[in-house]
Amino acid sequence: MAIVAPSILSANFAYLLQEVQEVYSYGAQYLHIDVMDGHFVPNITLGPTVFKHLRPHIPMVFDVHLMITNPQKYIKDFVQAGADVITFHFEAVSNIKEVIELIKSYNIKAGLSIKPHTDVRVLEPYLGDLDLILVMSVEPGFGGQKFMPIALDKIRYLKTRQQEFRYLIEVDGGINQETGKMCVEAGADILVAGNYIFTAKSRKEAVESLLRL
């Protein structure tokens, strides 16, 4: 059974707490929180101040995805806001091991993400240090994009290495029942879905359709 991680970007922020509580009640285990700075990606989203107010009310895993430059400058803030997992981008930093170690120094889980056109093998030196690997199946920065099938080969490769290293494989971008099924069959453990869940006529059916994969 897949782990379902609704993406907060697709929720209605006027009713954010209610909508997150709703998807949690349907069985979603993770809450995927995209953080963008307008530099690493061309969009700007929320910082730690917003989601720290959700933390006391939501027992989900807070899965923070930093699409920002210099992520190490902000890790402490996101930890204090309640992050359980912090993922940053391979393409955003040069001192990857140092950032992983910094995240883990706060006794939370560390993840690393790659863009669709980044060779998955660049992750090899870090596989033993990571708790999670996030494969982007769209270009990061905006919701509602179409799934890019090149992500599937990356997932398959990471699945073969997962036998030696202990990490979860997460995929984000264009996920629905059809593409989610392909990702799970390729080896994904966690499905991030935004529009598919939050704009569905029945959010319950949307979440459950992914949980069944």
Protein backbone atom coordinates (compact mmCIF):
# COMPACT_ATOMS: atom_id res chain seq x y z
CA MET A 1 0.00 0.00 0.00
CA ALA A 2 1.34 3.41 -0.96
CA ILE A 3 1.92 6.22 1.52
CA VAL A 4 -0.14 9.22 0.40
CA ALA A 5 1.23 12.74 0.86
CA PRO A 6 -1.23 15.49 -0.11
CA SER A 7 0.57 18.61 -1.29
CA ILE A 8 -0.40 21.65 0.73
CA LEU A 9 0.08 23.96 -2.29
CA SER A 10 -3.17 22.74 -3.82
CA ALA A 11 -5.27 23.33 -0.72
CA ASN A 12 -7.45 26.40 -0.16
CA PHE A 13 -5.44 28.44 2.33
CA ALA A 14 -8.59 30.15 3.61
CA TYR A 15 -9.62 26.73 4.98
CA LEU A 16 -6.19 25.18 5.35
CA LEU A 17 -6.60 23.47 8.70
CA GLN A 18 -9.99 22.03 7.80
CA GLU A 19 -8.79 20.70 4.46
CA VAL A 20 -5.69 19.09 5.94
CA GLN A 21 -7.74 17.50 8.72
CA GLU A 22 -10.12 16.21 6.07
CA VAL A 23 -7.49 14.42 3.99
CA TYR A 24 -5.93 13.04 7.17
CA SER A 25 -9.30 11.57 8.14
CA TYR A 26 -9.35 9.69 4.82
CA GLY A 27 -6.03 7.99 5.53
CA ALA A 28 -3.35 10.31 4.15
CA GLN A 29 -0.26 9.79 6.29
CA TYR A 30 2.14 12.54 5.17
CA LEU A 31 1.60 16.26 4.56
CA HIS A 32 3.87 17.48 1.76
CA ILE A 33 4.91 21.09 2.30
CA ASP A 34 6.55 22.76 -0.70
CA VAL A 35 8.78 25.72 0.12
CA MET A 36 9.90 27.94 -2.79
CA ASP A 37 12.03 31.07 -2.69
CA GLY A 38 11.67 32.64 -6.14
CA HIS A 39 15.35 31.91 -6.83
CA PHE A 40 15.88 28.16 -7.13
CA VAL A 41 12.43 27.96 -8.69
CA PRO A 42 10.44 30.89 -10.12
CA ASN A 43 7.59 30.74 -7.64
CA ILE A 44 7.30 31.86 -4.00
CA THR A 45 5.34 29.98 -1.36
CA LEU A 46 5.02 29.73 2.40
CA GLY A 47 7.65 29.68 5.11
CA PRO A 48 7.74 27.96 8.50
CA THR A 49 5.48 30.50 10.21
CA VAL A 50 2.43 29.23 8.33
CA PHE A 51 2.69 25.53 8.95
CA LYS A 52 3.91 25.71 12.55
CA HIS A 53 0.33 26.66 13.47
CA LEU A 54 -0.92 23.43 11.88
CA ARG A 55 1.48 21.25 13.84
CA PRO A 56 -0.45 21.07 17.14
CA HIS A 57 -3.61 20.00 15.31
CA ILE A 58 -2.29 17.56 12.70
CA PRO A 59 -0.64 14.22 13.65
CA MET A 60 0.61 13.62 10.10
CA VAL A 61 4.26 13.35 9.09
CA PHE A 62 5.29 16.87 8.08
CA ASP A 63 7.27 16.30 4.89
CA VAL A 64 9.04 19.58 4.03
CA HIS A 65 10.41 19.96 0.50
CA LEU A 66 12.85 22.87 0.27
CA MET A 67 13.06 24.19 -3.29
CA ILE A 68 15.37 26.98 -2.23
CA THR A 69 18.97 28.10 -2.47
CA ASN A 70 21.07 27.89 0.71
CA PRO A 71 18.66 25.52 2.47
CA GLN A 72 21.07 25.12 5.39
CA LYS A 73 20.25 28.68 6.49
CA TYR A 74 16.62 27.78 7.17
CA ILE A 75 16.70 24.19 8.41
CA LYS A 76 16.57 25.15 12.09
CA ASP A 77 13.48 27.30 11.46
CA PHE A 78 11.65 24.44 9.78
CA VAL A 79 12.66 21.99 12.50
CA GLN A 80 11.30 24.36 15.14
CA ALA A 81 8.08 24.68 13.13
CA GLY A 82 7.55 20.92 13.36
CA ALA A 83 9.16 19.26 10.34
CA ASP A 84 9.59 15.48 10.56
CA VAL A 85 11.42 15.17 7.24
CA ILE A 86 13.35 17.87 5.38
CA THR A 87 14.25 17.30 1.75
CA PHE A 88 16.48 19.64 -0.24
CA HIS A 89 17.62 19.65 -3.86
CA PHE A 90 20.82 18.12 -5.17
CA GLU A 91 20.98 20.97 -7.67
CA ALA A 92 20.76 23.69 -5.00
CA VAL A 93 23.93 23.08 -2.98
CA SER A 94 27.53 21.92 -3.34
CA ASN A 95 28.05 20.71 0.23
CA ILE A 96 25.42 17.98 0.18
CA LYS A 97 26.83 15.78 2.94
CA GLU A 98 27.09 18.76 5.29
CA VAL A 99 23.45 19.66 4.74
CA ILE A 100 22.36 16.05 5.32
CA GLU A 101 24.37 15.97 8.55
CA LEU A 102 22.86 19.28 9.67
CA ILE A 103 19.32 17.99 9.17
CA LYS A 104 20.07 14.78 11.04
CA SER A 105 21.68 16.69 13.90
CA TYR A 106 18.16 17.79 14.83
CA ASN A 107 17.03 14.13 15.07
CA ILE A 108 14.74 14.32 12.07
CA LYS A 109 14.90 12.55 8.71
CA ALA A 110 16.88 13.86 5.74
CA GLY A 111 15.85 13.66 2.11
CA LEU A 112 17.42 14.62 -1.20
CA SER A 113 15.57 15.48 -4.40
CA ILE A 114 16.51 15.58 -8.07
CA LYS A 115 14.90 17.38 -10.98
CA PRO A 116 13.50 15.36 -13.92
CA HIS A 117 16.55 15.77 -16.13
CA THR A 118 19.19 15.14 -13.44
CA ASP A 119 20.91 11.76 -13.74
CA VAL A 120 19.79 9.58 -10.84
CA ARG A 121 23.30 8.18 -10.44
CA VAL A 122 24.49 11.49 -8.96
CA LEU A 123 22.80 10.29 -5.76
CA GLU A 124 25.11 7.29 -5.35
CA PRO A 125 27.56 8.90 -2.88
CA TYR A 126 24.68 9.81 -0.56
CA LEU A 127 22.41 6.76 -0.59
CA GLY A 128 23.71 5.46 2.71
CA ASP A 129 23.05 8.78 4.44
CA LEU A 130 19.49 9.39 3.29
CA ASP A 131 16.12 8.49 4.78
CA LEU A 132 14.18 9.59 1.70
CA ILE A 133 14.80 10.29 -1.97
CA LEU A 134 12.33 12.50 -3.82
CA VAL A 135 12.08 11.99 -7.56
CA MET A 136 10.50 14.96 -9.31
CA SER A 137 8.20 13.90 -12.14
CA VAL A 138 7.58 17.52 -13.20
CA GLU A 139 9.80 20.57 -13.26
CA PRO A 140 9.69 21.95 -9.71
CA GLY A 141 8.03 25.26 -9.04
CA PHE A 142 4.37 24.98 -10.04
CA GLY A 143 1.49 22.60 -9.43
CA GLY A 144 -0.80 21.08 -12.04
CA GLN A 145 1.87 19.92 -14.51
CA LYS A 146 1.75 16.69 -16.49
CA PHE A 147 3.64 13.64 -15.27
CA MET A 148 7.00 13.03 -16.98
CA PRO A 149 7.54 9.28 -17.57
CA ILE A 150 11.33 9.64 -17.36
CA ALA A 151 10.81 9.54 -13.59
CA LEU A 152 9.92 5.85 -13.78
CA ASP A 153 13.43 4.72 -14.74
CA LYS A 154 14.84 6.71 -11.82
CA ILE A 155 12.41 5.02 -9.44
CA ARG A 156 13.32 1.58 -10.80
CA TYR A 157 17.01 2.30 -10.37
CA LEU A 158 16.54 3.51 -6.80
CA LYS A 159 14.45 0.44 -6.03
CA THR A 160 17.36 -1.83 -6.98
CA ARG A 161 19.65 0.10 -4.63
CA GLN A 162 17.05 0.13 -1.86
CA GLN A 163 17.92 -3.48 -1.06
CA GLU A 164 21.30 -2.28 0.21
CA PHE A 165 20.31 1.08 1.68
CA ARG A 166 17.34 2.01 3.84
CA TYR A 167 15.48 4.94 2.33
CA LEU A 168 11.99 5.62 1.10
CA ILE A 169 11.32 6.54 -2.53
CA GLU A 170 8.95 9.46 -2.99
CA VAL A 171 7.62 10.83 -6.27
CA ASP A 172 6.08 14.25 -6.83
CA GLY A 173 4.42 15.75 -9.88
CA GLY A 174 1.37 14.94 -11.97
CA ILE A 175 0.29 12.11 -9.69
CA ASN A 176 -3.18 10.64 -10.12
CA GLN A 177 -4.53 7.09 -9.96
CA GLU A 178 -3.02 6.13 -13.33
CA THR A 179 0.43 7.68 -12.89
CA GLY A 180 0.50 6.70 -9.23
CA LYS A 181 -0.02 3.07 -10.21
CA MET A 182 2.93 3.26 -12.61
CA CYS A 183 5.12 4.77 -9.90
CA VAL A 184 4.19 2.18 -7.29
CA GLU A 185 4.82 -0.63 -9.77
CA ALA A 186 8.23 0.91 -10.47
CA GLY A 187 9.01 0.92 -6.75
CA ALA A 188 7.77 4.19 -5.21
CA ASP A 189 6.80 4.16 -1.54
CA ILE A 190 5.28 7.65 -1.22
CA LEU A 191 2.99 9.44 -3.67
CA VAL A 192 2.74 13.23 -3.47
CA ALA A 193 -0.52 14.47 -4.96
CA GLY A 194 -1.94 17.97 -4.98
CA ASN A 195 -4.59 18.82 -7.54
CA TYR A 196 -5.70 15.20 -7.84
CA ILE A 197 -6.75 15.25 -4.20
CA PHE A 198 -7.73 18.81 -3.36
CA THR A 199 -9.69 19.58 -6.54
CA ALA A 200 -11.44 16.20 -6.67
CA LYS A 201 -15.22 15.98 -6.44
CA SER A 202 -14.62 13.42 -3.72
CA ARG A 203 -11.36 13.90 -1.83
CA LYS A 204 -12.10 10.70 0.04
CA GLU A 205 -12.22 8.69 -3.18
CA ALA A 206 -9.06 10.40 -4.46
CA VAL A 207 -7.05 9.59 -1.33
CA GLU A 208 -8.37 6.05 -1.13
CA SER A 209 -7.64 5.40 -4.81
CA LEU A 210 -3.96 6.11 -4.12
CA LEU A 211 -3.89 4.19 -0.85
CA ARG A 212 -5.06 1.08 -2.69
CA LEU A 213 -2.11 1.11 -5.11
